């Protein structure tokens, strides 16, 4: 089994744990929080066609993490700039910025969850960024998207958060 497949299975497991109410996650949602790093890159692993995003569920925020593992460092390097429904209403889109303050280039992987307000049930919506290369001392902006399967205007999704992040030397 390839490392990418193992990583995808691990990400799915983390998503399930996060959605079932597990506590102690270091990820913060779009509703606020402080960022220990920010950066820019454009990459969509869900087939984004580059369309602009707008919609009633638009919000912004950041992700923070603690500790010294590559996952924690990757979490600190990611900033969520916006979460919204695409202009055509077909995708949930997160605009992200990855900042690599180290001197070495890294490949970043991240899994995002689109969520609703507490107490409201929404369908599971996950988007991924895979193997995004960010040079040392640089930033990249990107988008991660997933199909919107709801029947409304996307307003049931009020935030997004990074559920999993990792970086490896490029």
N, C-alpha and C. Protein backbone atom coordinates (compact mmCIF):
# COMPACT_ATOMS: atom_id res chain seq x y z
N UNK A 1 0.85 -1.16 0.00
CA UNK A 1 0.00 0.00 0.00
C UNK A 1 0.90 1.23 0.00
N UNK A 2 0.60 2.20 -0.85
CA UNK A 2 1.41 3.41 -0.96
C UNK A 2 1.20 4.31 0.25
N UNK A 3 2.21 5.10 0.54
CA UNK A 3 2.15 6.04 1.66
C UNK A 3 0.95 6.98 1.51
N UNK A 4 0.65 7.39 0.30
CA UNK A 4 -0.48 8.29 0.06
C UNK A 4 -1.79 7.64 0.50
N UNK A 5 -1.94 6.33 0.24
CA UNK A 5 -3.16 5.62 0.64
C UNK A 5 -3.24 5.49 2.16
N UNK A 6 -2.12 5.18 2.78
CA UNK A 6 -2.09 5.08 4.24
C UNK A 6 -2.46 6.43 4.84
N UNK A 7 -1.89 7.50 4.26
CA UNK A 7 -2.17 8.84 4.75
C UNK A 7 -3.66 9.17 4.59
N UNK A 8 -4.26 8.81 3.47
CA UNK A 8 -5.68 9.07 3.24
C UNK A 8 -6.55 8.33 4.26
N UNK A 9 -6.18 7.10 4.56
CA UNK A 9 -6.93 6.33 5.56
C UNK A 9 -6.79 6.98 6.93
N UNK A 10 -5.59 7.42 7.25
CA UNK A 10 -5.37 8.10 8.55
C UNK A 10 -6.17 9.38 8.61
N UNK A 11 -6.22 10.12 7.52
CA UNK A 11 -6.99 11.37 7.49
C UNK A 11 -8.46 11.08 7.69
N UNK A 12 -8.97 10.06 7.03
CA UNK A 12 -10.38 9.72 7.19
C UNK A 12 -10.67 9.35 8.64
N UNK A 13 -9.77 8.58 9.26
CA UNK A 13 -9.95 8.22 10.66
C UNK A 13 -9.98 9.44 11.55
N UNK A 14 -9.09 10.40 11.28
CA UNK A 14 -9.09 11.64 12.06
C UNK A 14 -10.38 12.42 11.87
N UNK A 15 -10.88 12.42 10.64
CA UNK A 15 -12.13 13.14 10.37
C UNK A 15 -13.28 12.52 11.15
N UNK A 16 -13.33 11.21 11.19
CA UNK A 16 -14.38 10.53 11.94
C UNK A 16 -14.28 10.86 13.43
N UNK A 17 -13.06 10.83 13.97
CA UNK A 17 -12.86 11.16 15.37
C UNK A 17 -13.30 12.59 15.64
N UNK A 18 -12.91 13.52 14.76
CA UNK A 18 -13.27 14.92 14.96
C UNK A 18 -14.78 15.12 14.90
N UNK A 19 -15.45 14.43 13.99
CA UNK A 19 -16.89 14.61 13.84
C UNK A 19 -17.69 13.94 14.94
N UNK A 20 -17.10 12.99 15.65
CA UNK A 20 -17.83 12.33 16.71
C UNK A 20 -17.62 13.00 18.06
N UNK A 21 -16.97 14.15 18.06
CA UNK A 21 -16.88 14.91 19.29
C UNK A 21 -15.63 14.68 20.10
N UNK A 22 -14.58 14.14 19.51
CA UNK A 22 -13.34 13.95 20.25
C UNK A 22 -12.78 15.30 20.66
N UNK A 23 -12.16 15.37 21.81
CA UNK A 23 -11.61 16.62 22.33
C UNK A 23 -10.10 16.62 22.20
N UNK A 24 -9.51 17.80 22.30
CA UNK A 24 -8.07 17.92 22.33
C UNK A 24 -7.45 18.21 20.98
N UNK A 25 -8.24 18.49 19.95
CA UNK A 25 -7.69 18.83 18.65
C UNK A 25 -6.99 20.17 18.71
N UNK A 26 -5.89 20.30 17.98
CA UNK A 26 -5.16 21.56 17.95
C UNK A 26 -5.65 22.46 16.83
N UNK A 27 -6.55 22.00 15.97
CA UNK A 27 -7.02 22.82 14.86
C UNK A 27 -8.04 23.83 15.31
N UNK A 28 -8.03 24.99 14.71
CA UNK A 28 -9.02 26.03 14.98
C UNK A 28 -9.82 26.26 13.72
N UNK A 29 -11.03 26.67 13.87
CA UNK A 29 -11.90 26.87 12.72
C UNK A 29 -11.77 28.25 12.13
N UNK A 30 -12.61 28.52 11.15
CA UNK A 30 -12.57 29.79 10.46
C UNK A 30 -13.09 30.94 11.30
N UNK A 31 -13.75 30.67 12.37
CA UNK A 31 -14.36 31.73 13.16
C UNK A 31 -13.36 32.58 13.91
N UNK A 32 -12.10 32.31 13.86
CA UNK A 32 -11.12 33.14 14.56
C UNK A 32 -9.95 32.31 14.99
N UNK A 33 -9.24 32.78 15.97
CA UNK A 33 -8.06 32.09 16.45
C UNK A 33 -6.82 32.78 15.96
N UNK A 34 -5.71 32.47 16.55
CA UNK A 34 -4.49 33.11 16.13
C UNK A 34 -3.71 32.18 15.24
N UNK A 35 -2.96 32.76 14.34
CA UNK A 35 -2.14 31.98 13.43
C UNK A 35 -0.69 32.14 13.83
N UNK A 36 0.00 31.02 13.91
CA UNK A 36 1.42 31.05 14.22
C UNK A 36 2.22 31.18 12.94
N UNK A 37 1.57 31.18 11.83
CA UNK A 37 2.24 31.30 10.55
C UNK A 37 1.20 31.47 9.48
N UNK A 38 1.58 32.10 8.40
CA UNK A 38 0.66 32.21 7.28
C UNK A 38 1.46 32.21 6.01
N UNK A 39 0.81 31.85 4.91
CA UNK A 39 1.52 31.80 3.65
C UNK A 39 0.57 31.66 2.50
N UNK A 40 1.07 31.49 1.26
CA UNK A 40 0.21 31.48 0.10
C UNK A 40 0.56 30.39 -0.89
N UNK A 41 -0.49 29.76 -1.53
CA UNK A 41 -0.28 28.78 -2.57
C UNK A 41 -1.59 28.44 -3.24
N UNK A 42 -1.61 28.15 -4.52
CA UNK A 42 -2.84 27.79 -5.21
C UNK A 42 -2.80 26.36 -5.66
N UNK A 43 -3.67 25.52 -5.07
CA UNK A 43 -3.72 24.09 -5.39
C UNK A 43 -5.07 23.57 -4.93
N UNK A 44 -5.74 22.86 -5.79
CA UNK A 44 -6.99 22.25 -5.38
C UNK A 44 -6.94 20.77 -5.69
N UNK A 45 -7.17 19.97 -4.69
CA UNK A 45 -7.13 18.53 -4.91
C UNK A 45 -8.49 17.98 -5.25
N UNK A 46 -9.50 18.82 -5.25
CA UNK A 46 -10.85 18.33 -5.50
C UNK A 46 -11.37 18.75 -6.86
N UNK A 47 -10.46 19.14 -7.74
CA UNK A 47 -10.88 19.48 -9.09
C UNK A 47 -11.46 20.86 -9.20
N UNK A 48 -11.01 21.79 -8.42
CA UNK A 48 -11.50 23.16 -8.51
C UNK A 48 -11.22 23.70 -9.90
N UNK A 49 -12.19 24.39 -10.46
CA UNK A 49 -12.00 24.96 -11.78
C UNK A 49 -11.52 26.40 -11.72
N UNK A 50 -11.15 26.85 -10.54
CA UNK A 50 -10.63 28.20 -10.40
C UNK A 50 -11.71 29.25 -10.29
N UNK A 51 -12.97 28.86 -10.22
CA UNK A 51 -14.03 29.85 -10.13
C UNK A 51 -13.95 30.59 -8.81
N UNK A 52 -14.40 31.82 -8.85
CA UNK A 52 -14.33 32.62 -7.62
C UNK A 52 -15.36 32.14 -6.63
N UNK A 53 -15.13 32.46 -5.38
CA UNK A 53 -16.05 32.02 -4.35
C UNK A 53 -16.80 33.20 -3.78
N UNK A 54 -18.03 32.94 -3.48
CA UNK A 54 -18.86 33.91 -2.78
C UNK A 54 -20.03 33.13 -2.24
N UNK A 55 -20.74 33.73 -1.34
CA UNK A 55 -21.90 33.01 -0.84
C UNK A 55 -22.16 33.35 0.60
N UNK A 56 -23.28 32.86 1.07
CA UNK A 56 -23.70 33.21 2.41
C UNK A 56 -22.86 32.56 3.48
N UNK A 57 -22.11 31.52 3.12
CA UNK A 57 -21.33 30.84 4.14
C UNK A 57 -19.88 31.34 4.20
N UNK A 58 -19.58 32.43 3.54
CA UNK A 58 -18.22 32.95 3.53
C UNK A 58 -17.75 33.36 4.91
N UNK A 59 -16.55 32.97 5.26
CA UNK A 59 -15.95 33.34 6.52
C UNK A 59 -14.45 33.19 6.38
N UNK A 60 -13.72 33.62 7.38
CA UNK A 60 -12.28 33.46 7.33
C UNK A 60 -11.77 33.11 8.70
N UNK A 61 -10.52 32.74 8.79
CA UNK A 61 -9.97 32.38 10.08
C UNK A 61 -8.59 31.81 9.94
N UNK A 62 -8.16 31.06 10.92
CA UNK A 62 -6.81 30.53 10.91
C UNK A 62 -6.74 29.22 11.65
N UNK A 63 -5.58 28.64 11.62
CA UNK A 63 -5.33 27.37 12.27
C UNK A 63 -4.13 27.56 13.17
N UNK A 64 -4.17 26.97 14.35
CA UNK A 64 -2.99 27.04 15.21
C UNK A 64 -2.68 25.66 15.75
N UNK A 65 -1.45 25.44 16.07
CA UNK A 65 -1.03 24.17 16.62
C UNK A 65 0.10 24.37 17.60
N UNK A 66 0.34 23.40 18.42
CA UNK A 66 1.42 23.48 19.40
C UNK A 66 2.29 22.25 19.27
N UNK A 67 3.48 22.34 19.78
CA UNK A 67 4.36 21.18 19.79
C UNK A 67 5.36 21.23 18.66
N UNK A 68 6.11 20.15 18.50
CA UNK A 68 7.20 20.15 17.57
C UNK A 68 7.12 19.12 16.48
N UNK A 69 6.08 18.32 16.39
CA UNK A 69 6.00 17.30 15.35
C UNK A 69 5.76 17.96 14.00
N UNK A 70 5.98 17.20 12.92
CA UNK A 70 5.75 17.77 11.59
C UNK A 70 4.28 18.13 11.40
N UNK A 71 3.38 17.40 12.03
CA UNK A 71 1.95 17.73 11.94
C UNK A 71 1.67 19.06 12.63
N UNK A 72 2.25 19.26 13.81
CA UNK A 72 2.04 20.51 14.53
C UNK A 72 2.64 21.68 13.76
N UNK A 73 3.83 21.49 13.22
CA UNK A 73 4.46 22.57 12.44
C UNK A 73 3.64 22.85 11.20
N UNK A 74 3.13 21.83 10.56
CA UNK A 74 2.30 22.02 9.37
C UNK A 74 1.03 22.79 9.73
N UNK A 75 0.41 22.46 10.86
CA UNK A 75 -0.80 23.18 11.29
C UNK A 75 -0.51 24.67 11.47
N UNK A 76 0.64 24.99 12.04
CA UNK A 76 1.00 26.39 12.26
C UNK A 76 1.27 27.12 10.95
N UNK A 77 1.66 26.39 9.93
CA UNK A 77 2.00 27.00 8.64
C UNK A 77 0.78 27.28 7.77
N UNK A 78 -0.40 26.86 8.19
CA UNK A 78 -1.61 27.00 7.37
C UNK A 78 -2.51 28.08 7.94
N UNK A 79 -2.96 28.97 7.08
CA UNK A 79 -3.95 29.98 7.46
C UNK A 79 -5.15 29.84 6.53
N UNK A 80 -6.34 29.76 7.11
CA UNK A 80 -7.57 29.72 6.32
C UNK A 80 -7.99 31.16 6.07
N UNK A 81 -8.02 31.54 4.80
CA UNK A 81 -8.37 32.91 4.43
C UNK A 81 -9.87 33.08 4.25
N UNK A 82 -10.54 32.06 3.74
CA UNK A 82 -11.97 32.17 3.48
C UNK A 82 -12.57 30.78 3.29
N UNK A 83 -13.81 30.63 3.72
CA UNK A 83 -14.60 29.42 3.47
C UNK A 83 -15.91 29.89 2.86
N UNK A 84 -16.28 29.35 1.72
CA UNK A 84 -17.48 29.84 1.05
C UNK A 84 -18.03 28.82 0.07
N UNK A 85 -19.24 29.07 -0.38
CA UNK A 85 -19.84 28.32 -1.47
C UNK A 85 -19.39 28.99 -2.76
N UNK A 86 -19.02 28.20 -3.76
CA UNK A 86 -18.57 28.77 -5.04
C UNK A 86 -19.69 29.58 -5.67
N UNK A 87 -19.32 30.48 -6.56
CA UNK A 87 -20.29 31.37 -7.21
C UNK A 87 -21.36 30.57 -7.95
N UNK A 88 -21.00 29.41 -8.50
CA UNK A 88 -21.98 28.60 -9.22
C UNK A 88 -22.81 27.71 -8.28
N UNK A 89 -22.49 27.73 -6.98
CA UNK A 89 -23.26 26.97 -5.99
C UNK A 89 -23.00 25.48 -6.00
N UNK A 90 -21.95 25.03 -6.68
CA UNK A 90 -21.71 23.60 -6.80
C UNK A 90 -20.61 23.06 -5.90
N UNK A 91 -19.81 23.95 -5.27
CA UNK A 91 -18.69 23.48 -4.46
C UNK A 91 -18.57 24.31 -3.18
N UNK A 92 -18.11 23.65 -2.13
CA UNK A 92 -17.65 24.35 -0.93
C UNK A 92 -16.16 24.56 -1.13
N UNK A 93 -15.70 25.79 -0.94
CA UNK A 93 -14.32 26.15 -1.25
C UNK A 93 -13.66 26.80 -0.05
N UNK A 94 -12.46 26.34 0.27
CA UNK A 94 -11.64 26.98 1.31
C UNK A 94 -10.43 27.58 0.62
N UNK A 95 -10.18 28.87 0.87
CA UNK A 95 -8.97 29.53 0.38
C UNK A 95 -7.95 29.50 1.50
N UNK A 96 -6.77 29.00 1.19
CA UNK A 96 -5.73 28.77 2.19
C UNK A 96 -4.43 29.45 1.82
N UNK A 97 -3.64 29.74 2.83
CA UNK A 97 -2.29 30.25 2.63
C UNK A 97 -1.35 29.38 3.45
N UNK A 98 -0.31 28.87 2.81
CA UNK A 98 0.71 28.05 3.45
C UNK A 98 1.99 28.88 3.51
N UNK A 99 2.58 29.03 4.69
CA UNK A 99 3.83 29.77 4.85
C UNK A 99 4.88 28.84 5.44
N UNK A 100 5.98 28.74 4.74
CA UNK A 100 7.10 27.91 5.17
C UNK A 100 8.22 28.85 5.62
N UNK A 101 8.40 29.01 6.91
CA UNK A 101 9.43 29.92 7.42
C UNK A 101 10.78 29.22 7.59
N UNK A 102 10.84 27.92 7.32
CA UNK A 102 12.11 27.19 7.38
C UNK A 102 12.91 27.44 6.10
N UNK A 103 14.14 26.98 6.09
CA UNK A 103 15.00 27.18 4.91
C UNK A 103 14.84 26.08 3.87
N UNK A 104 14.28 24.95 4.25
CA UNK A 104 14.08 23.82 3.33
C UNK A 104 12.69 23.86 2.73
N UNK A 105 12.57 23.33 1.51
CA UNK A 105 11.27 23.20 0.86
C UNK A 105 10.51 22.04 1.48
N UNK A 106 9.18 22.16 1.56
CA UNK A 106 8.33 21.11 2.10
C UNK A 106 7.16 20.83 1.17
N UNK A 107 6.69 19.58 1.23
CA UNK A 107 5.43 19.19 0.60
C UNK A 107 4.38 19.13 1.70
N UNK A 108 3.27 19.83 1.52
CA UNK A 108 2.22 19.89 2.52
C UNK A 108 1.02 19.07 2.09
N UNK A 109 0.42 18.41 3.06
CA UNK A 109 -0.86 17.72 2.90
C UNK A 109 -1.79 18.28 3.97
N UNK A 110 -3.03 18.55 3.61
CA UNK A 110 -3.99 19.05 4.58
C UNK A 110 -5.39 18.54 4.24
N UNK A 111 -6.16 18.27 5.27
CA UNK A 111 -7.55 17.88 5.12
C UNK A 111 -8.40 18.89 5.86
N UNK A 112 -9.39 19.44 5.18
CA UNK A 112 -10.28 20.44 5.77
C UNK A 112 -11.68 19.87 5.90
N UNK A 113 -12.35 20.30 6.95
CA UNK A 113 -13.75 19.92 7.17
C UNK A 113 -14.59 21.18 7.14
N UNK A 114 -15.69 21.12 6.42
CA UNK A 114 -16.67 22.19 6.44
C UNK A 114 -17.71 21.80 7.47
N UNK A 115 -18.04 22.73 8.37
CA UNK A 115 -18.91 22.41 9.49
C UNK A 115 -20.04 23.42 9.62
N UNK A 116 -21.06 23.01 10.37
CA UNK A 116 -22.17 23.89 10.68
C UNK A 116 -22.08 24.35 12.12
N UNK A 117 -23.02 25.18 12.52
CA UNK A 117 -23.08 25.65 13.90
C UNK A 117 -23.34 24.48 14.84
N UNK A 118 -22.91 24.64 16.09
CA UNK A 118 -23.13 23.61 17.10
C UNK A 118 -24.62 23.28 17.19
N UNK A 119 -24.92 22.01 17.26
CA UNK A 119 -26.30 21.57 17.38
C UNK A 119 -27.00 21.38 16.05
N UNK A 120 -26.40 21.82 14.95
CA UNK A 120 -27.00 21.65 13.63
C UNK A 120 -26.31 20.50 12.92
N UNK A 121 -27.10 19.66 12.28
CA UNK A 121 -26.55 18.53 11.55
C UNK A 121 -26.34 18.93 10.10
N UNK A 122 -25.12 18.71 9.61
CA UNK A 122 -24.81 18.95 8.20
C UNK A 122 -24.10 17.72 7.66
N UNK A 123 -24.21 17.51 6.35
CA UNK A 123 -23.54 16.39 5.71
C UNK A 123 -22.03 16.56 5.83
N UNK A 124 -21.32 15.45 5.93
CA UNK A 124 -19.87 15.47 5.99
C UNK A 124 -19.33 16.07 4.69
N UNK A 125 -18.49 17.11 4.82
CA UNK A 125 -17.88 17.76 3.66
C UNK A 125 -16.40 17.93 3.95
N UNK A 126 -15.57 17.23 3.19
CA UNK A 126 -14.12 17.24 3.40
C UNK A 126 -13.43 17.58 2.08
N UNK A 127 -12.43 18.45 2.17
CA UNK A 127 -11.60 18.80 1.01
C UNK A 127 -10.15 18.58 1.38
N UNK A 128 -9.32 18.30 0.38
CA UNK A 128 -7.91 17.99 0.65
C UNK A 128 -6.97 18.79 -0.22
N UNK A 129 -5.79 19.02 0.31
CA UNK A 129 -4.65 19.55 -0.44
C UNK A 129 -3.57 18.48 -0.32
N UNK A 130 -3.05 18.03 -1.44
CA UNK A 130 -2.03 16.97 -1.45
C UNK A 130 -0.76 17.45 -2.12
N UNK A 131 0.36 17.18 -1.47
CA UNK A 131 1.69 17.41 -2.03
C UNK A 131 1.90 18.81 -2.59
N UNK A 132 1.47 19.81 -1.83
CA UNK A 132 1.67 21.20 -2.21
C UNK A 132 3.10 21.60 -1.84
N UNK A 133 3.90 21.94 -2.81
CA UNK A 133 5.30 22.29 -2.57
C UNK A 133 5.40 23.78 -2.24
N UNK A 134 6.05 24.05 -1.10
CA UNK A 134 6.30 25.44 -0.69
C UNK A 134 7.80 25.54 -0.41
N UNK A 135 8.46 26.40 -1.14
CA UNK A 135 9.90 26.59 -0.98
C UNK A 135 10.20 27.20 0.38
N UNK A 136 11.42 27.02 0.85
CA UNK A 136 11.84 27.59 2.12
C UNK A 136 11.72 29.10 2.10
N UNK A 137 11.17 29.68 3.16
CA UNK A 137 11.00 31.12 3.27
C UNK A 137 9.93 31.70 2.37
N UNK A 138 9.07 30.87 1.80
CA UNK A 138 8.06 31.33 0.86
C UNK A 138 6.65 31.03 1.35
N UNK A 139 5.69 31.62 0.68
CA UNK A 139 4.27 31.38 0.94
C UNK A 139 3.58 31.04 -0.37
N UNK A 140 2.51 30.26 -0.27
CA UNK A 140 1.68 29.93 -1.43
C UNK A 140 0.22 29.97 -1.01
N UNK A 141 -0.62 30.44 -1.92
CA UNK A 141 -2.07 30.43 -1.71
C UNK A 141 -2.66 29.31 -2.55
N UNK A 142 -3.72 28.71 -2.04
CA UNK A 142 -4.37 27.63 -2.77
C UNK A 142 -5.84 27.57 -2.39
N UNK A 143 -6.56 26.75 -3.11
CA UNK A 143 -7.95 26.45 -2.79
C UNK A 143 -8.10 24.95 -2.64
N UNK A 144 -8.95 24.56 -1.72
CA UNK A 144 -9.36 23.17 -1.58
C UNK A 144 -10.88 23.17 -1.67
N UNK A 145 -11.43 22.27 -2.46
CA UNK A 145 -12.88 22.27 -2.64
C UNK A 145 -13.44 20.86 -2.61
N UNK A 146 -14.73 20.81 -2.39
CA UNK A 146 -15.46 19.55 -2.39
C UNK A 146 -16.85 19.84 -2.94
N UNK A 147 -17.48 18.89 -3.62
CA UNK A 147 -18.82 19.15 -4.16
C UNK A 147 -19.81 19.49 -3.05
N UNK A 148 -20.68 20.46 -3.33
CA UNK A 148 -21.76 20.81 -2.41
C UNK A 148 -22.96 19.94 -2.74
N UNK A 149 -23.37 19.12 -1.78
CA UNK A 149 -24.46 18.18 -2.02
C UNK A 149 -25.78 18.64 -1.42
N UNK A 150 -25.78 19.78 -0.79
CA UNK A 150 -27.00 20.30 -0.18
C UNK A 150 -27.97 20.82 -1.22
N UNK A 151 -29.14 21.19 -0.75
CA UNK A 151 -30.18 21.68 -1.66
C UNK A 151 -30.41 23.18 -1.51
N UNK A 152 -29.69 23.82 -0.58
CA UNK A 152 -29.91 25.23 -0.33
C UNK A 152 -28.82 26.11 -0.90
N UNK A 153 -28.50 27.14 -0.14
CA UNK A 153 -27.51 28.12 -0.58
C UNK A 153 -26.16 27.94 0.12
N UNK A 154 -25.99 26.84 0.83
CA UNK A 154 -24.73 26.56 1.52
C UNK A 154 -24.61 27.20 2.89
N UNK A 155 -25.62 27.92 3.31
CA UNK A 155 -25.54 28.65 4.58
C UNK A 155 -25.49 27.72 5.80
N UNK A 156 -25.81 26.44 5.61
CA UNK A 156 -25.72 25.51 6.74
C UNK A 156 -24.26 25.26 7.14
N UNK A 157 -23.33 25.51 6.22
CA UNK A 157 -21.90 25.39 6.51
C UNK A 157 -21.39 26.77 6.92
N UNK A 158 -21.08 26.92 8.20
CA UNK A 158 -20.71 28.23 8.72
C UNK A 158 -19.22 28.40 8.96
N UNK A 159 -18.46 27.31 8.89
CA UNK A 159 -17.03 27.41 9.13
C UNK A 159 -16.32 26.23 8.51
N UNK A 160 -15.01 26.35 8.43
CA UNK A 160 -14.19 25.22 8.03
C UNK A 160 -12.97 25.21 8.92
N UNK A 161 -12.38 24.03 9.05
CA UNK A 161 -11.19 23.90 9.88
C UNK A 161 -10.27 22.84 9.31
N UNK A 162 -9.01 22.97 9.67
CA UNK A 162 -8.04 21.96 9.27
C UNK A 162 -8.14 20.80 10.26
N UNK A 163 -8.48 19.63 9.75
CA UNK A 163 -8.62 18.45 10.61
C UNK A 163 -7.29 17.69 10.70
N UNK A 164 -6.48 17.81 9.66
CA UNK A 164 -5.21 17.10 9.62
C UNK A 164 -4.26 17.89 8.73
N UNK A 165 -3.00 17.96 9.12
CA UNK A 165 -1.98 18.58 8.29
C UNK A 165 -0.65 17.89 8.55
N UNK A 166 0.16 17.80 7.52
CA UNK A 166 1.48 17.21 7.65
C UNK A 166 2.37 17.84 6.59
N UNK A 167 3.66 17.85 6.86
CA UNK A 167 4.63 18.31 5.87
C UNK A 167 5.81 17.37 5.87
N UNK A 168 6.37 17.15 4.68
CA UNK A 168 7.55 16.32 4.53
C UNK A 168 8.56 17.08 3.68
N UNK A 169 9.82 16.78 3.87
CA UNK A 169 10.86 17.44 3.11
C UNK A 169 10.67 17.13 1.63
N UNK A 170 10.73 18.18 0.82
CA UNK A 170 10.52 18.03 -0.63
C UNK A 170 11.76 17.48 -1.29
